[in-house]
Amino acid sequence: MNLYSLYGEPKIIIFIKKSKDGTKLLGIKKLVHKC
């Protein structure tokens, strides 16, 4: 389930992942929704 795909436009999602060490990793993911 991806709410960003409902817009039908390329969206940039910034997600934060916590590693086993407890550090926060910032990642940038581009989602392109094809109609």
C-alpha atoms as a PDB file:
ATOM      1  CA  MET A   1       0.000   0.000   0.000  1.00  0.00           C
ATOM      2  CA  ASN A   2       1.586   3.216  -1.190  1.00  0.00           C
ATOM      3  CA  LEU A   3      -0.273   6.476  -0.589  1.00  0.00           C
ATOM      4  CA  TYR A   4       2.161   8.480  -2.712  1.00  0.00           C
ATOM      5  CA  SER A   5       1.165   6.591  -5.861  1.00  0.00           C
ATOM      6  CA  LEU A   6      -2.330   8.051  -5.616  1.00  0.00           C
ATOM      7  CA  TYR A   7      -1.111  11.454  -6.765  1.00  0.00           C
ATOM      8  CA  GLY A   8       0.076  10.085 -10.108  1.00  0.00           C
ATOM      9  CA  GLU A   9       3.156  12.317  -9.934  1.00  0.00           C
ATOM     10  CA  PRO A  10       6.826  11.571  -9.221  1.00  0.00           C
ATOM     11  CA  LYS A  11       7.311  11.901  -5.482  1.00  0.00           C
ATOM     12  CA  ILE A  12      10.439  11.973  -3.352  1.00  0.00           C
ATOM     13  CA  ILE A  13      10.177   9.994  -0.142  1.00  0.00           C
ATOM     14  CA  ILE A  14      12.632  10.487   2.697  1.00  0.00           C
ATOM     15  CA  PHE A  15      12.688   7.517   5.007  1.00  0.00           C
ATOM     16  CA  ILE A  16      14.635   7.012   8.213  1.00  0.00           C
ATOM     17  CA  LYS A  17      16.008   3.592   8.993  1.00  0.00           C
ATOM     18  CA  LYS A  18      17.391   2.631  12.356  1.00  0.00           C
ATOM     19  CA  SER A  19      20.391   0.347  12.187  1.00  0.00           C
ATOM     20  CA  LYS A  20      21.268  -2.267  14.789  1.00  0.00           C
ATOM     21  CA  ASP A  21      23.734   0.184  16.327  1.00  0.00           C
ATOM     22  CA  GLY A  22      20.926   2.664  16.924  1.00  0.00           C
ATOM     23  CA  THR A  23      22.132   5.152  14.339  1.00  0.00           C
ATOM     24  CA  LYS A  24      19.628   6.747  11.994  1.00  0.00           C
ATOM     25  CA  LEU A  25      20.204   6.366   8.271  1.00  0.00           C
ATOM     26  CA  LEU A  26      18.611   8.892   5.933  1.00  0.00           C
ATOM     27  CA  GLY A  27      17.600   7.567   2.548  1.00  0.00           C
ATOM     28  CA  ILE A  28      16.008   9.262  -0.433  1.00  0.00           C
ATOM     29  CA  LYS A  29      13.744   7.210  -2.645  1.00  0.00           C
ATOM     30  CA  LYS A  30      12.096   8.415  -5.837  1.00  0.00           C
ATOM     31  CA  LEU A  31       8.783   6.880  -6.788  1.00  0.00           C
ATOM     32  CA  VAL A  32       7.470   7.275 -10.307  1.00  0.00           C
ATOM     33  CA  HIS A  33       3.840   6.356 -10.804  1.00  0.00           C
ATOM     34  CA  LYS A  34       2.956   5.335 -14.345  1.00  0.00           C
ATOM     35  CA  CYS A  35      -0.665   5.841 -15.296  1.00  0.00           C
END
